[in-house]
Amino acid sequence: MVQSMGAPKSLVGVIIAGMVLLPEGLAAIRAARSNHIQSSLNLALGSALASIGLTIPAVSVVCIMYDIPLVLGLDKKDIILLSLSVFIVMLSLSRGKTNILYGTVLLVNLAAYIFTVIVP
């Protein structure tokens, strides 16, 4: 489907990551709406770490078995967007209190990342 759209192969990774992170992400959103910020952060960070900890070795094994080249690097635009996300989170958490503006900026940053994956 991705090839028929003419999109780059990296979109497949974004789709798979979204599917893997969806259940815990929704639970984290529910916890945040209930004002359980610590539970929300634990769910979100734990889910991301577990996904990375399980996905990278699984993909590595498949690439080794089928002799597929494995590329896990980030190009310049991805590094810039990642740095921007880290900076926004640092600003948000530095005062001990956050607001919807920081979350909106992070969502816009995510949309920019997904856009640059689809349209390189």
C-alpha atoms as a PDB file:
ATOM      1  CA  MET A   1       0.000   0.000   0.000  1.00  0.00           C
ATOM      2  CA  VAL A   2       2.857   2.380   0.851  1.00  0.00           C
ATOM      3  CA  GLN A   3       4.570   1.657  -2.467  1.00  0.00           C
ATOM      4  CA  SER A   4       1.344   2.190  -4.400  1.00  0.00           C
ATOM      5  CA  MET A   5       1.005   5.639  -2.763  1.00  0.00           C
ATOM      6  CA  GLY A   6       4.550   6.460  -3.779  1.00  0.00           C
ATOM      7  CA  ALA A   7       5.484   7.153  -0.161  1.00  0.00           C
ATOM      8  CA  PRO A   8       8.917   6.248   1.227  1.00  0.00           C
ATOM      9  CA  LYS A   9       9.447   2.927   2.986  1.00  0.00           C
ATOM     10  CA  SER A  10      10.071   4.705   6.293  1.00  0.00           C
ATOM     11  CA  LEU A  11       6.318   5.349   6.519  1.00  0.00           C
ATOM     12  CA  VAL A  12       5.841   1.643   7.269  1.00  0.00           C
ATOM     13  CA  GLY A  13       7.942   2.054  10.422  1.00  0.00           C
ATOM     14  CA  VAL A  14       5.883   5.042  11.544  1.00  0.00           C
ATOM     15  CA  ILE A  15       2.645   3.107  11.001  1.00  0.00           C
ATOM     16  CA  ILE A  16       3.916   0.072  12.921  1.00  0.00           C
ATOM     17  CA  ALA A  17       5.192   2.253  15.784  1.00  0.00           C
ATOM     18  CA  GLY A  18       1.819   3.983  15.967  1.00  0.00           C
ATOM     19  CA  MET A  19      -0.021   0.666  16.155  1.00  0.00           C
ATOM     20  CA  VAL A  20       2.310  -0.691  18.840  1.00  0.00           C
ATOM     21  CA  LEU A  21       2.111   2.448  20.990  1.00  0.00           C
ATOM     22  CA  LEU A  22      -1.639   3.014  20.571  1.00  0.00           C
ATOM     23  CA  PRO A  23      -3.049   1.024  23.555  1.00  0.00           C
ATOM     24  CA  GLU A  24      -0.673   2.440  26.152  1.00  0.00           C
ATOM     25  CA  GLY A  25      -0.908   5.875  24.564  1.00  0.00           C
ATOM     26  CA  LEU A  26      -4.683   5.889  24.964  1.00  0.00           C
ATOM     27  CA  ALA A  27      -4.328   4.745  28.582  1.00  0.00           C
ATOM     28  CA  ALA A  28      -1.821   7.552  29.187  1.00  0.00           C
ATOM     29  CA  ILE A  29      -4.241  10.083  27.701  1.00  0.00           C
ATOM     30  CA  ARG A  30      -7.049   8.795  29.934  1.00  0.00           C
ATOM     31  CA  ALA A  31      -4.787   9.040  32.994  1.00  0.00           C
ATOM     32  CA  ALA A  32      -3.790  12.588  32.058  1.00  0.00           C
ATOM     33  CA  ARG A  33      -7.427  13.611  31.643  1.00  0.00           C
ATOM     34  CA  SER A  34      -8.121  12.206  35.121  1.00  0.00           C
ATOM     35  CA  ASN A  35      -5.304  14.411  36.443  1.00  0.00           C
ATOM     36  CA  HIS A  36      -3.031  11.421  37.198  1.00  0.00           C
ATOM     37  CA  ILE A  37       0.064  12.902  35.619  1.00  0.00           C
ATOM     38  CA  GLN A  38       2.560  10.472  37.189  1.00  0.00           C
ATOM     39  CA  SER A  39       0.597   7.480  35.918  1.00  0.00           C
ATOM     40  CA  SER A  40       0.297   9.122  32.525  1.00  0.00           C
ATOM     41  CA  LEU A  41       4.050   9.699  32.268  1.00  0.00           C
ATOM     42  CA  ASN A  42       4.797   6.168  33.524  1.00  0.00           C
ATOM     43  CA  LEU A  43       2.479   4.645  30.921  1.00  0.00           C
ATOM     44  CA  ALA A  44       3.807   6.737  28.056  1.00  0.00           C
ATOM     45  CA  LEU A  45       7.501   6.358  28.856  1.00  0.00           C
ATOM     46  CA  GLY A  46       7.202   2.672  29.775  1.00  0.00           C
ATOM     47  CA  SER A  47       5.378   1.959  26.547  1.00  0.00           C
ATOM     48  CA  ALA A  48       7.978   3.762  24.466  1.00  0.00           C
ATOM     49  CA  LEU A  49      10.882   2.017  26.204  1.00  0.00           C
ATOM     50  CA  ALA A  50       9.248  -1.397  25.902  1.00  0.00           C
ATOM     51  CA  SER A  51       8.485  -0.824  22.239  1.00  0.00           C
ATOM     52  CA  ILE A  52      12.035   0.227  21.498  1.00  0.00           C
ATOM     53  CA  GLY A  53      13.448  -2.566  23.645  1.00  0.00           C
ATOM     54  CA  LEU A  54      11.392  -5.213  21.851  1.00  0.00           C
ATOM     55  CA  THR A  55      11.070  -3.805  18.340  1.00  0.00           C
ATOM     56  CA  ILE A  56      14.701  -3.022  17.592  1.00  0.00           C
ATOM     57  CA  PRO A  57      15.964  -6.541  18.473  1.00  0.00           C
ATOM     58  CA  ALA A  58      13.083  -8.167  16.550  1.00  0.00           C
ATOM     59  CA  VAL A  59      13.729  -6.060  13.460  1.00  0.00           C
ATOM     60  CA  SER A  60      17.458  -6.755  13.762  1.00  0.00           C
ATOM     61  CA  VAL A  61      16.875 -10.512  13.864  1.00  0.00           C
ATOM     62  CA  VAL A  62      14.580 -10.405  10.813  1.00  0.00           C
ATOM     63  CA  CYS A  63      17.109  -8.289   8.903  1.00  0.00           C
ATOM     64  CA  ILE A  64      19.903 -10.713   9.743  1.00  0.00           C
ATOM     65  CA  MET A  65      17.798 -13.765   8.825  1.00  0.00           C
ATOM     66  CA  TYR A  66      16.685 -12.395   5.453  1.00  0.00           C
ATOM     67  CA  ASP A  67      19.892 -10.482   4.664  1.00  0.00           C
ATOM     68  CA  ILE A  68      18.124  -7.098   4.593  1.00  0.00           C
ATOM     69  CA  PRO A  69      20.199  -3.968   5.246  1.00  0.00           C
ATOM     70  CA  LEU A  70      19.311  -2.406   8.592  1.00  0.00           C
ATOM     71  CA  VAL A  71      19.352   1.388   8.888  1.00  0.00           C
ATOM     72  CA  LEU A  72      18.471   2.921  12.249  1.00  0.00           C
ATOM     73  CA  GLY A  73      19.966   6.377  11.739  1.00  0.00           C
ATOM     74  CA  LEU A  74      18.294   9.750  11.728  1.00  0.00           C
ATOM     75  CA  ASP A  75      18.844  12.304   9.015  1.00  0.00           C
ATOM     76  CA  LYS A  76      19.252  16.036   9.679  1.00  0.00           C
ATOM     77  CA  LYS A  77      15.572  16.981   9.625  1.00  0.00           C
ATOM     78  CA  ASP A  78      14.696  14.172  12.041  1.00  0.00           C
ATOM     79  CA  ILE A  79      17.451  15.251  14.442  1.00  0.00           C
ATOM     80  CA  ILE A  80      16.178  18.843  14.309  1.00  0.00           C
ATOM     81  CA  LEU A  81      12.586  17.794  15.032  1.00  0.00           C
ATOM     82  CA  LEU A  82      13.737  15.485  17.848  1.00  0.00           C
ATOM     83  CA  SER A  83      15.825  18.284  19.376  1.00  0.00           C
ATOM     84  CA  LEU A  84      12.877  20.653  19.108  1.00  0.00           C
ATOM     85  CA  SER A  85      10.653  18.124  20.892  1.00  0.00           C
ATOM     86  CA  VAL A  86      13.169  17.678  23.713  1.00  0.00           C
ATOM     87  CA  PHE A  87      13.507  21.455  24.062  1.00  0.00           C
ATOM     88  CA  ILE A  88       9.720  21.899  24.230  1.00  0.00           C
ATOM     89  CA  VAL A  89       9.402  19.193  26.880  1.00  0.00           C
ATOM     90  CA  MET A  90      12.222  20.802  28.892  1.00  0.00           C
ATOM     91  CA  LEU A  91      10.417  24.153  28.744  1.00  0.00           C
ATOM     92  CA  SER A  92       7.158  22.517  29.716  1.00  0.00           C
ATOM     93  CA  LEU A  93       8.513  20.647  32.724  1.00  0.00           C
ATOM     94  CA  SER A  94      10.996  23.260  33.950  1.00  0.00           C
ATOM     95  CA  ARG A  95       8.390  25.260  35.865  1.00  0.00           C
ATOM     96  CA  GLY A  96       6.742  22.201  37.385  1.00  0.00           C
ATOM     97  CA  LYS A  97       3.450  23.081  35.744  1.00  0.00           C
ATOM     98  CA  THR A  98       2.437  22.751  32.131  1.00  0.00           C
ATOM     99  CA  ASN A  99      -0.440  23.882  29.977  1.00  0.00           C
ATOM    100  CA  ILE A 100      -2.181  22.949  26.766  1.00  0.00           C
ATOM    101  CA  LEU A 101       0.063  25.202  24.665  1.00  0.00           C
ATOM    102  CA  TYR A 102       3.101  22.945  25.095  1.00  0.00           C
ATOM    103  CA  GLY A 103       1.057  19.878  24.193  1.00  0.00           C
ATOM    104  CA  THR A 104      -0.297  21.612  21.107  1.00  0.00           C
ATOM    105  CA  VAL A 105       3.208  22.595  20.004  1.00  0.00           C
ATOM    106  CA  LEU A 106       4.352  18.994  20.459  1.00  0.00           C
ATOM    107  CA  LEU A 107       1.422  17.729  18.394  1.00  0.00           C
ATOM    108  CA  VAL A 108       2.261  20.215  15.632  1.00  0.00           C
ATOM    109  CA  ASN A 109       5.868  18.997  15.784  1.00  0.00           C
ATOM    110  CA  LEU A 110       4.614  15.403  15.451  1.00  0.00           C
ATOM    111  CA  ALA A 111       2.475  16.392  12.464  1.00  0.00           C
ATOM    112  CA  ALA A 112       5.521  18.035  10.870  1.00  0.00           C
ATOM    113  CA  TYR A 113       7.530  14.841  11.407  1.00  0.00           C
ATOM    114  CA  ILE A 114       4.835  12.645   9.864  1.00  0.00           C
ATOM    115  CA  PHE A 115       4.518  15.070   6.950  1.00  0.00           C
ATOM    116  CA  THR A 116       8.271  14.968   6.305  1.00  0.00           C
ATOM    117  CA  VAL A 117       8.180  11.162   6.410  1.00  0.00           C
ATOM    118  CA  ILE A 118       5.421  11.023   3.810  1.00  0.00           C
ATOM    119  CA  VAL A 119       6.773  13.887   1.668  1.00  0.00           C
ATOM    120  CA  PRO A 120      10.575  13.790   2.058  1.00  0.00           C
END
